[in-house]
Amino acid sequence: YFIDVEGGQATLIVTPDRQSLLIDAG
């Protein structure tokens, strides 16, 4: 998921086994 945080970027990755990685938080 590419999340629009207006000026920055946040990317949420959810693996097949439901582990989650968020890259940056706006």
mmCIF file of all heavy atoms, coordinates in Angstrom:
data_MODEL
# 
_entry.id   MODEL 
# 
loop_
_atom_site.group_PDB 
_atom_site.id 
_atom_site.type_symbol 
_atom_site.label_atom_id 
_atom_site.label_alt_id 
_atom_site.label_comp_id 
_atom_site.label_asym_id 
_atom_site.label_entity_id 
_atom_site.label_seq_id 
_atom_site.pdbx_PDB_ins_code 
_atom_site.Cartn_x 
_atom_site.Cartn_y 
_atom_site.Cartn_z 
_atom_site.occupancy 
_atom_site.B_iso_or_equiv 
_atom_site.pdbx_formal_charge 
_atom_site.auth_seq_id 
_atom_site.auth_comp_id 
_atom_site.auth_asym_id 
_atom_site.auth_atom_id 
_atom_site.pdbx_PDB_model_num 
ATOM 1   N N   . TYR A 1 1  ? 0.860  -1.186  0.000  1.00 0.00 ? 1  TYR A N   1 
ATOM 2   C CA  . TYR A 1 1  ? 0.000  0.000   0.000  1.00 0.00 ? 1  TYR A CA  1 
ATOM 3   C C   . TYR A 1 1  ? 0.894  1.233   0.000  1.00 0.00 ? 1  TYR A C   1 
ATOM 4   O O   . TYR A 1 1  ? 1.713  1.404   0.910  1.00 0.00 ? 1  TYR A O   1 
ATOM 5   C CB  . TYR A 1 1  ? -0.884 0.028   1.252  1.00 0.00 ? 1  TYR A CB  1 
ATOM 6   C CG  . TYR A 1 1  ? -1.823 -1.146  1.350  1.00 0.00 ? 1  TYR A CG  1 
ATOM 7   C CD1 . TYR A 1 1  ? -1.378 -2.383  1.823  1.00 0.00 ? 1  TYR A CD1 1 
ATOM 8   C CD2 . TYR A 1 1  ? -3.146 -1.028  0.971  1.00 0.00 ? 1  TYR A CD2 1 
ATOM 9   C CE1 . TYR A 1 1  ? -2.240 -3.461  1.915  1.00 0.00 ? 1  TYR A CE1 1 
ATOM 10  C CE2 . TYR A 1 1  ? -4.019 -2.109  1.058  1.00 0.00 ? 1  TYR A CE2 1 
ATOM 11  C CZ  . TYR A 1 1  ? -3.555 -3.321  1.534  1.00 0.00 ? 1  TYR A CZ  1 
ATOM 12  O OH  . TYR A 1 1  ? -4.400 -4.395  1.622  1.00 0.00 ? 1  TYR A OH  1 
ATOM 13  N N   . PHE A 1 2  ? 0.731  2.076   -0.999 1.00 0.00 ? 2  PHE A N   1 
ATOM 14  C CA  . PHE A 1 2  ? 1.444  3.343   -1.060 1.00 0.00 ? 2  PHE A CA  1 
ATOM 15  C C   . PHE A 1 2  ? 0.497  4.405   -0.518 1.00 0.00 ? 2  PHE A C   1 
ATOM 16  O O   . PHE A 1 2  ? -0.568 4.638   -1.080 1.00 0.00 ? 2  PHE A O   1 
ATOM 17  C CB  . PHE A 1 2  ? 1.884  3.659   -2.494 1.00 0.00 ? 2  PHE A CB  1 
ATOM 18  C CG  . PHE A 1 2  ? 2.853  2.645   -3.036 1.00 0.00 ? 2  PHE A CG  1 
ATOM 19  C CD1 . PHE A 1 2  ? 2.425  1.647   -3.884 1.00 0.00 ? 2  PHE A CD1 1 
ATOM 20  C CD2 . PHE A 1 2  ? 4.181  2.690   -2.658 1.00 0.00 ? 2  PHE A CD2 1 
ATOM 21  C CE1 . PHE A 1 2  ? 3.315  0.702   -4.364 1.00 0.00 ? 2  PHE A CE1 1 
ATOM 22  C CE2 . PHE A 1 2  ? 5.074  1.753   -3.136 1.00 0.00 ? 2  PHE A CE2 1 
ATOM 23  C CZ  . PHE A 1 2  ? 4.648  0.755   -3.996 1.00 0.00 ? 2  PHE A CZ  1 
ATOM 24  N N   . ILE A 1 3  ? 0.892  5.041   0.579  1.00 0.00 ? 3  ILE A N   1 
ATOM 25  C CA  . ILE A 1 3  ? 0.002  5.931   1.307  1.00 0.00 ? 3  ILE A CA  1 
ATOM 26  C C   . ILE A 1 3  ? 0.444  7.372   1.086  1.00 0.00 ? 3  ILE A C   1 
ATOM 27  O O   . ILE A 1 3  ? 1.582  7.739   1.378  1.00 0.00 ? 3  ILE A O   1 
ATOM 28  C CB  . ILE A 1 3  ? 0.018  5.579   2.805  1.00 0.00 ? 3  ILE A CB  1 
ATOM 29  C CG1 . ILE A 1 3  ? -0.343 4.097   2.980  1.00 0.00 ? 3  ILE A CG1 1 
ATOM 30  C CG2 . ILE A 1 3  ? -0.927 6.478   3.587  1.00 0.00 ? 3  ILE A CG2 1 
ATOM 31  C CD1 . ILE A 1 3  ? 0.099  3.505   4.295  1.00 0.00 ? 3  ILE A CD1 1 
ATOM 32  N N   . ASP A 1 4  ? -0.468 8.186   0.593  1.00 0.00 ? 4  ASP A N   1 
ATOM 33  C CA  . ASP A 1 4  ? -0.197 9.596   0.333  1.00 0.00 ? 4  ASP A CA  1 
ATOM 34  C C   . ASP A 1 4  ? -0.190 10.359  1.651  1.00 0.00 ? 4  ASP A C   1 
ATOM 35  O O   . ASP A 1 4  ? -1.214 10.483  2.308  1.00 0.00 ? 4  ASP A O   1 
ATOM 36  C CB  . ASP A 1 4  ? -1.262 10.163  -0.600 1.00 0.00 ? 4  ASP A CB  1 
ATOM 37  C CG  . ASP A 1 4  ? -1.069 11.648  -0.890 1.00 0.00 ? 4  ASP A CG  1 
ATOM 38  O OD1 . ASP A 1 4  ? -0.001 12.196  -0.550 1.00 0.00 ? 4  ASP A OD1 1 
ATOM 39  O OD2 . ASP A 1 4  ? -1.987 12.252  -1.460 1.00 0.00 ? 4  ASP A OD2 1 
ATOM 40  N N   . VAL A 1 5  ? 0.979  10.836  2.044  1.00 0.00 ? 5  VAL A N   1 
ATOM 41  C CA  . VAL A 1 5  ? 1.099  11.636  3.261  1.00 0.00 ? 5  VAL A CA  1 
ATOM 42  C C   . VAL A 1 5  ? 1.545  13.054  2.918  1.00 0.00 ? 5  VAL A C   1 
ATOM 43  O O   . VAL A 1 5  ? 2.132  13.741  3.739  1.00 0.00 ? 5  VAL A O   1 
ATOM 44  C CB  . VAL A 1 5  ? 2.029  10.965  4.305  1.00 0.00 ? 5  VAL A CB  1 
ATOM 45  C CG1 . VAL A 1 5  ? 1.395  9.701   4.845  1.00 0.00 ? 5  VAL A CG1 1 
ATOM 46  C CG2 . VAL A 1 5  ? 3.397  10.658  3.733  1.00 0.00 ? 5  VAL A CG2 1 
ATOM 47  N N   . GLU A 1 6  ? 1.213  13.497  1.723  1.00 0.00 ? 6  GLU A N   1 
ATOM 48  C CA  . GLU A 1 6  ? 1.409  14.866  1.261  1.00 0.00 ? 6  GLU A CA  1 
ATOM 49  C C   . GLU A 1 6  ? 2.789  15.447  1.565  1.00 0.00 ? 6  GLU A C   1 
ATOM 50  O O   . GLU A 1 6  ? 2.968  16.203  2.500  1.00 0.00 ? 6  GLU A O   1 
ATOM 51  C CB  . GLU A 1 6  ? 0.312  15.765  1.822  1.00 0.00 ? 6  GLU A CB  1 
ATOM 52  C CG  . GLU A 1 6  ? -1.055 15.354  1.309  1.00 0.00 ? 6  GLU A CG  1 
ATOM 53  C CD  . GLU A 1 6  ? -2.138 16.320  1.715  1.00 0.00 ? 6  GLU A CD  1 
ATOM 54  O OE1 . GLU A 1 6  ? -1.864 17.515  1.867  1.00 0.00 ? 6  GLU A OE1 1 
ATOM 55  O OE2 . GLU A 1 6  ? -3.278 15.847  1.862  1.00 0.00 ? 6  GLU A OE2 1 
ATOM 56  N N   . GLY A 1 7  ? 3.745  15.074  0.785  1.00 0.00 ? 7  GLY A N   1 
ATOM 57  C CA  . GLY A 1 7  ? 5.095  15.612  0.916  1.00 0.00 ? 7  GLY A CA  1 
ATOM 58  C C   . GLY A 1 7  ? 6.097  14.539  1.278  1.00 0.00 ? 7  GLY A C   1 
ATOM 59  O O   . GLY A 1 7  ? 7.252  14.617  0.922  1.00 0.00 ? 7  GLY A O   1 
ATOM 60  N N   . GLY A 1 8  ? 5.658  13.534  1.971  1.00 0.00 ? 8  GLY A N   1 
ATOM 61  C CA  . GLY A 1 8  ? 6.509  12.397  2.312  1.00 0.00 ? 8  GLY A CA  1 
ATOM 62  C C   . GLY A 1 8  ? 5.915  11.163  1.661  1.00 0.00 ? 8  GLY A C   1 
ATOM 63  O O   . GLY A 1 8  ? 5.108  11.254  0.743  1.00 0.00 ? 8  GLY A O   1 
ATOM 64  N N   . GLN A 1 9  ? 6.292  10.034  2.145  1.00 0.00 ? 9  GLN A N   1 
ATOM 65  C CA  . GLN A 1 9  ? 5.743  8.783   1.632  1.00 0.00 ? 9  GLN A CA  1 
ATOM 66  C C   . GLN A 1 9  ? 5.661  7.801   2.780  1.00 0.00 ? 9  GLN A C   1 
ATOM 67  O O   . GLN A 1 9  ? 6.515  7.785   3.659  1.00 0.00 ? 9  GLN A O   1 
ATOM 68  C CB  . GLN A 1 9  ? 6.636  8.211   0.526  1.00 0.00 ? 9  GLN A CB  1 
ATOM 69  C CG  . GLN A 1 9  ? 6.180  6.876   -0.027 1.00 0.00 ? 9  GLN A CG  1 
ATOM 70  C CD  . GLN A 1 9  ? 4.857  6.952   -0.765 1.00 0.00 ? 9  GLN A CD  1 
ATOM 71  O OE1 . GLN A 1 9  ? 4.609  7.898   -1.500 1.00 0.00 ? 9  GLN A OE1 1 
ATOM 72  N NE2 . GLN A 1 9  ? 4.001  5.970   -0.565 1.00 0.00 ? 9  GLN A NE2 1 
ATOM 73  N N   . ALA A 1 10 ? 4.645  7.014   2.802  1.00 0.00 ? 10 ALA A N   1 
ATOM 74  C CA  . ALA A 1 10 ? 4.532  5.900   3.733  1.00 0.00 ? 10 ALA A CA  1 
ATOM 75  C C   . ALA A 1 10 ? 4.145  4.690   2.897  1.00 0.00 ? 10 ALA A C   1 
ATOM 76  O O   . ALA A 1 10 ? 3.291  4.792   2.016  1.00 0.00 ? 10 ALA A O   1 
ATOM 77  C CB  . ALA A 1 10 ? 3.485  6.183   4.811  1.00 0.00 ? 10 ALA A CB  1 
ATOM 78  N N   . THR A 1 11 ? 4.781  3.580   3.161  1.00 0.00 ? 11 THR A N   1 
ATOM 79  C CA  . THR A 1 11 ? 4.509  2.357   2.419  1.00 0.00 ? 11 THR A CA  1 
ATOM 80  C C   . THR A 1 11 ? 4.254  1.243   3.409  1.00 0.00 ? 11 THR A C   1 
ATOM 81  O O   . THR A 1 11 ? 5.065  0.999   4.298  1.00 0.00 ? 11 THR A O   1 
ATOM 82  C CB  . THR A 1 11 ? 5.709  1.983   1.520  1.00 0.00 ? 11 THR A CB  1 
ATOM 83  O OG1 . THR A 1 11 ? 6.014  3.104   0.667  1.00 0.00 ? 11 THR A OG1 1 
ATOM 84  C CG2 . THR A 1 11 ? 5.399  0.768   0.673  1.00 0.00 ? 11 THR A CG2 1 
ATOM 85  N N   . LEU A 1 12 ? 3.140  0.578   3.261  1.00 0.00 ? 12 LEU A N   1 
ATOM 86  C CA  . LEU A 1 12 ? 2.782  -0.551  4.114  1.00 0.00 ? 12 LEU A CA  1 
ATOM 87  C C   . LEU A 1 12 ? 2.880  -1.822  3.290  1.00 0.00 ? 12 LEU A C   1 
ATOM 88  O O   . LEU A 1 12 ? 2.254  -1.926  2.228  1.00 0.00 ? 12 LEU A O   1 
ATOM 89  C CB  . LEU A 1 12 ? 1.361  -0.385  4.661  1.00 0.00 ? 12 LEU A CB  1 
ATOM 90  C CG  . LEU A 1 12 ? 0.814  -1.539  5.498  1.00 0.00 ? 12 LEU A CG  1 
ATOM 91  C CD1 . LEU A 1 12 ? 1.647  -1.737  6.767  1.00 0.00 ? 12 LEU A CD1 1 
ATOM 92  C CD2 . LEU A 1 12 ? -0.649 -1.305  5.828  1.00 0.00 ? 12 LEU A CD2 1 
ATOM 93  N N   . ILE A 1 13 ? 3.668  -2.767  3.780  1.00 0.00 ? 13 ILE A N   1 
ATOM 94  C CA  . ILE A 1 13 ? 3.836  -4.058  3.122  1.00 0.00 ? 13 ILE A CA  1 
ATOM 95  C C   . ILE A 1 13 ? 3.267  -5.113  4.061  1.00 0.00 ? 13 ILE A C   1 
ATOM 96  O O   . ILE A 1 13 ? 3.624  -5.153  5.246  1.00 0.00 ? 13 ILE A O   1 
ATOM 97  C CB  . ILE A 1 13 ? 5.318  -4.346  2.827  1.00 0.00 ? 13 ILE A CB  1 
ATOM 98  C CG1 . ILE A 1 13 ? 5.877  -3.272  1.893  1.00 0.00 ? 13 ILE A CG1 1 
ATOM 99  C CG2 . ILE A 1 13 ? 5.490  -5.747  2.230  1.00 0.00 ? 13 ILE A CG2 1 
ATOM 100 C CD1 . ILE A 1 13 ? 7.379  -3.327  1.725  1.00 0.00 ? 13 ILE A CD1 1 
ATOM 101 N N   . VAL A 1 14 ? 2.388  -5.940  3.539  1.00 0.00 ? 14 VAL A N   1 
ATOM 102 C CA  . VAL A 1 14 ? 1.803  -7.029  4.322  1.00 0.00 ? 14 VAL A CA  1 
ATOM 103 C C   . VAL A 1 14 ? 2.125  -8.332  3.595  1.00 0.00 ? 14 VAL A C   1 
ATOM 104 O O   . VAL A 1 14 ? 1.750  -8.522  2.437  1.00 0.00 ? 14 VAL A O   1 
ATOM 105 C CB  . VAL A 1 14 ? 0.283  -6.861  4.498  1.00 0.00 ? 14 VAL A CB  1 
ATOM 106 C CG1 . VAL A 1 14 ? -0.274 -7.997  5.343  1.00 0.00 ? 14 VAL A CG1 1 
ATOM 107 C CG2 . VAL A 1 14 ? -0.036 -5.502  5.129  1.00 0.00 ? 14 VAL A CG2 1 
ATOM 108 N N   . THR A 1 15 ? 2.843  -9.191  4.294  1.00 0.00 ? 15 THR A N   1 
ATOM 109 C CA  . THR A 1 15 ? 3.308  -10.432 3.691  1.00 0.00 ? 15 THR A CA  1 
ATOM 110 C C   . THR A 1 15 ? 2.188  -11.466 3.634  1.00 0.00 ? 15 THR A C   1 
ATOM 111 O O   . THR A 1 15 ? 1.161  -11.321 4.304  1.00 0.00 ? 15 THR A O   1 
ATOM 112 C CB  . THR A 1 15 ? 4.487  -11.014 4.492  1.00 0.00 ? 15 THR A CB  1 
ATOM 113 O OG1 . THR A 1 15 ? 4.009  -11.440 5.768  1.00 0.00 ? 15 THR A OG1 1 
ATOM 114 C CG2 . THR A 1 15 ? 5.611  -10.006 4.646  1.00 0.00 ? 15 THR A CG2 1 
ATOM 115 N N   . PRO A 1 16 ? 2.385  -12.521 2.879  1.00 0.00 ? 16 PRO A N   1 
ATOM 116 C CA  . PRO A 1 16 ? 1.370  -13.579 2.806  1.00 0.00 ? 16 PRO A CA  1 
ATOM 117 C C   . PRO A 1 16 ? 1.018  -14.187 4.169  1.00 0.00 ? 16 PRO A C   1 
ATOM 118 O O   . PRO A 1 16 ? -0.111 -14.592 4.378  1.00 0.00 ? 16 PRO A O   1 
ATOM 119 C CB  . PRO A 1 16 ? 2.008  -14.622 1.883  1.00 0.00 ? 16 PRO A CB  1 
ATOM 120 C CG  . PRO A 1 16 ? 2.896  -13.802 0.995  1.00 0.00 ? 16 PRO A CG  1 
ATOM 121 C CD  . PRO A 1 16 ? 3.461  -12.736 1.901  1.00 0.00 ? 16 PRO A CD  1 
ATOM 122 N N   . ASP A 1 17 ? 1.955  -14.208 5.103  1.00 0.00 ? 17 ASP A N   1 
ATOM 123 C CA  . ASP A 1 17 ? 1.634  -14.744 6.431  1.00 0.00 ? 17 ASP A CA  1 
ATOM 124 C C   . ASP A 1 17 ? 1.190  -13.653 7.407  1.00 0.00 ? 17 ASP A C   1 
ATOM 125 O O   . ASP A 1 17 ? 1.195  -13.848 8.615  1.00 0.00 ? 17 ASP A O   1 
ATOM 126 C CB  . ASP A 1 17 ? 2.786  -15.576 6.987  1.00 0.00 ? 17 ASP A CB  1 
ATOM 127 C CG  . ASP A 1 17 ? 4.045  -14.782 7.233  1.00 0.00 ? 17 ASP A CG  1 
ATOM 128 O OD1 . ASP A 1 17 ? 4.113  -13.609 6.821  1.00 0.00 ? 17 ASP A OD1 1 
ATOM 129 O OD2 . ASP A 1 17 ? 4.974  -15.335 7.840  1.00 0.00 ? 17 ASP A OD2 1 
ATOM 130 N N   . ARG A 1 18 ? 0.800  -12.473 6.858  1.00 0.00 ? 18 ARG A N   1 
ATOM 131 C CA  . ARG A 1 18 ? 0.198  -11.364 7.588  1.00 0.00 ? 18 ARG A CA  1 
ATOM 132 C C   . ARG A 1 18 ? 1.173  -10.595 8.469  1.00 0.00 ? 18 ARG A C   1 
ATOM 133 O O   . ARG A 1 18 ? 0.763  -9.886  9.378  1.00 0.00 ? 18 ARG A O   1 
ATOM 134 C CB  . ARG A 1 18 ? -1.017 -11.813 8.409  1.00 0.00 ? 18 ARG A CB  1 
ATOM 135 C CG  . ARG A 1 18 ? -2.027 -12.670 7.657  1.00 0.00 ? 18 ARG A CG  1 
ATOM 136 C CD  . ARG A 1 18 ? -2.444 -12.150 6.301  1.00 0.00 ? 18 ARG A CD  1 
ATOM 137 N NE  . ARG A 1 18 ? -3.148 -10.869 6.409  1.00 0.00 ? 18 ARG A NE  1 
ATOM 138 C CZ  . ARG A 1 18 ? -3.250 -10.002 5.425  1.00 0.00 ? 18 ARG A CZ  1 
ATOM 139 N NH1 . ARG A 1 18 ? -2.720 -10.257 4.257  1.00 0.00 ? 18 ARG A NH1 1 
ATOM 140 N NH2 . ARG A 1 18 ? -3.893 -8.873  5.583  1.00 0.00 ? 18 ARG A NH2 1 
ATOM 141 N N   . GLN A 1 19 ? 2.461  -10.693 8.223  1.00 0.00 ? 19 GLN A N   1 
ATOM 142 C CA  . GLN A 1 19 ? 3.437  -9.827  8.885  1.00 0.00 ? 19 GLN A CA  1 
ATOM 143 C C   . GLN A 1 19 ? 3.389  -8.476  8.183  1.00 0.00 ? 19 GLN A C   1 
ATOM 144 O O   . GLN A 1 19 ? 3.212  -8.413  6.968  1.00 0.00 ? 19 GLN A O   1 
ATOM 145 C CB  . GLN A 1 19 ? 4.853  -10.410 8.776  1.00 0.00 ? 19 GLN A CB  1 
ATOM 146 C CG  . GLN A 1 19 ? 5.061  -11.661 9.592  1.00 0.00 ? 19 GLN A CG  1 
ATOM 147 C CD  . GLN A 1 19 ? 5.225  -11.323 11.052 1.00 0.00 ? 19 GLN A CD  1 
ATOM 148 O OE1 . GLN A 1 19 ? 6.050  -10.494 11.412 1.00 0.00 ? 19 GLN A OE1 1 
ATOM 149 N NE2 . GLN A 1 19 ? 4.434  -11.954 11.890 1.00 0.00 ? 19 GLN A NE2 1 
ATOM 150 N N   . SER A 1 20 ? 3.571  -7.394  8.950  1.00 0.00 ? 20 SER A N   1 
ATOM 151 C CA  . SER A 1 20 ? 3.460  -6.064  8.353  1.00 0.00 ? 20 SER A CA  1 
ATOM 152 C C   . SER A 1 20 ? 4.728  -5.253  8.582  1.00 0.00 ? 20 SER A C   1 
ATOM 153 O O   . SER A 1 20 ? 5.350  -5.327  9.636  1.00 0.00 ? 20 SER A O   1 
ATOM 154 C CB  . SER A 1 20 ? 2.259  -5.315  8.932  1.00 0.00 ? 20 SER A CB  1 
ATOM 155 O OG  . SER A 1 20 ? 2.360  -5.213  10.337 1.00 0.00 ? 20 SER A OG  1 
ATOM 156 N N   . LEU A 1 21 ? 5.082  -4.495  7.561  1.00 0.00 ? 21 LEU A N   1 
ATOM 157 C CA  . LEU A 1 21 ? 6.219  -3.580  7.592  1.00 0.00 ? 21 LEU A CA  1 
ATOM 158 C C   . LEU A 1 21 ? 5.728  -2.240  7.081  1.00 0.00 ? 21 LEU A C   1 
ATOM 159 O O   . LEU A 1 21 ? 5.218  -2.149  5.956  1.00 0.00 ? 21 LEU A O   1 
ATOM 160 C CB  . LEU A 1 21 ? 7.356  -4.091  6.696  1.00 0.00 ? 21 LEU A CB  1 
ATOM 161 C CG  . LEU A 1 21 ? 8.483  -3.107  6.382  1.00 0.00 ? 21 LEU A CG  1 
ATOM 162 C CD1 . LEU A 1 21 ? 9.283  -2.772  7.641  1.00 0.00 ? 21 LEU A CD1 1 
ATOM 163 C CD2 . LEU A 1 21 ? 9.402  -3.668  5.302  1.00 0.00 ? 21 LEU A CD2 1 
ATOM 164 N N   . LEU A 1 22 ? 5.838  -1.206  7.920  1.00 0.00 ? 22 LEU A N   1 
ATOM 165 C CA  . LEU A 1 22 ? 5.521  0.154   7.501  1.00 0.00 ? 22 LEU A CA  1 
ATOM 166 C C   . LEU A 1 22 ? 6.825  0.902   7.331  1.00 0.00 ? 22 LEU A C   1 
ATOM 167 O O   . LEU A 1 22 ? 7.662  0.917   8.235  1.00 0.00 ? 22 LEU A O   1 
ATOM 168 C CB  . LEU A 1 22 ? 4.645  0.862   8.541  1.00 0.00 ? 22 LEU A CB  1 
ATOM 169 C CG  . LEU A 1 22 ? 4.320  2.318   8.220  1.00 0.00 ? 22 LEU A CG  1 
ATOM 170 C CD1 . LEU A 1 22 ? 3.431  2.423   6.975  1.00 0.00 ? 22 LEU A CD1 1 
ATOM 171 C CD2 . LEU A 1 22 ? 3.662  3.003   9.405  1.00 0.00 ? 22 LEU A CD2 1 
ATOM 172 N N   . ILE A 1 23 ? 6.996  1.511   6.176  1.00 0.00 ? 23 ILE A N   1 
ATOM 173 C CA  . ILE A 1 23 ? 8.187  2.301   5.899  1.00 0.00 ? 23 ILE A CA  1 
ATOM 174 C C   . ILE A 1 23 ? 7.772  3.766   5.947  1.00 0.00 ? 23 ILE A C   1 
ATOM 175 O O   . ILE A 1 23 ? 6.983  4.215   5.114  1.00 0.00 ? 23 ILE A O   1 
ATOM 176 C CB  . ILE A 1 23 ? 8.797  1.933   4.534  1.00 0.00 ? 23 ILE A CB  1 
ATOM 177 C CG1 . ILE A 1 23 ? 9.117  0.446   4.506  1.00 0.00 ? 23 ILE A CG1 1 
ATOM 178 C CG2 . ILE A 1 23 ? 10.043 2.782   4.269  1.00 0.00 ? 23 ILE A CG2 1 
ATOM 179 C CD1 . ILE A 1 23 ? 9.496  -0.079  3.144  1.00 0.00 ? 23 ILE A CD1 1 
ATOM 180 N N   . ASP A 1 24 ? 8.256  4.461   6.951  1.00 0.00 ? 24 ASP A N   1 
ATOM 181 C CA  . ASP A 1 24 ? 7.989  5.878   7.218  1.00 0.00 ? 24 ASP A CA  1 
ATOM 182 C C   . ASP A 1 24 ? 6.530  6.114   7.629  1.00 0.00 ? 24 ASP A C   1 
ATOM 183 O O   . ASP A 1 24 ? 5.662  5.290   7.380  1.00 0.00 ? 24 ASP A O   1 
ATOM 184 C CB  . ASP A 1 24 ? 8.390  6.760   6.045  1.00 0.00 ? 24 ASP A CB  1 
ATOM 185 C CG  . ASP A 1 24 ? 9.902  6.776   5.830  1.00 0.00 ? 24 ASP A CG  1 
ATOM 186 O OD1 . ASP A 1 24 ? 10.641 6.613   6.823  1.00 0.00 ? 24 ASP A OD1 1 
ATOM 187 O OD2 . ASP A 1 24 ? 10.340 6.953   4.686  1.00 0.00 ? 24 ASP A OD2 1 
ATOM 188 N N   . ALA A 1 25 ? 6.317  7.259   8.287  1.00 0.00 ? 25 ALA A N   1 
ATOM 189 C CA  . ALA A 1 25 ? 5.005  7.518   8.886  1.00 0.00 ? 25 ALA A CA  1 
ATOM 190 C C   . ALA A 1 25 ? 4.487  8.921   8.606  1.00 0.00 ? 25 ALA A C   1 
ATOM 191 O O   . ALA A 1 25 ? 3.570  9.379   9.282  1.00 0.00 ? 25 ALA A O   1 
ATOM 192 C CB  . ALA A 1 25 ? 5.068  7.272   10.392 1.00 0.00 ? 25 ALA A CB  1 
ATOM 193 N N   . GLY A 1 26 ? 5.050  9.616   7.647  1.00 0.00 ? 26 GLY A N   1 
ATOM 194 C CA  . GLY A 1 26 ? 4.541  10.927  7.283  1.00 0.00 ? 26 GLY A CA  1 
ATOM 195 C C   . GLY A 1 26 ? 4.761  11.981  8.351  1.00 0.00 ? 26 GLY A C   1 
ATOM 196 O O   . GLY A 1 26 ? 5.593  11.832  9.239  1.00 0.00 ? 26 GLY A O   1 
# 
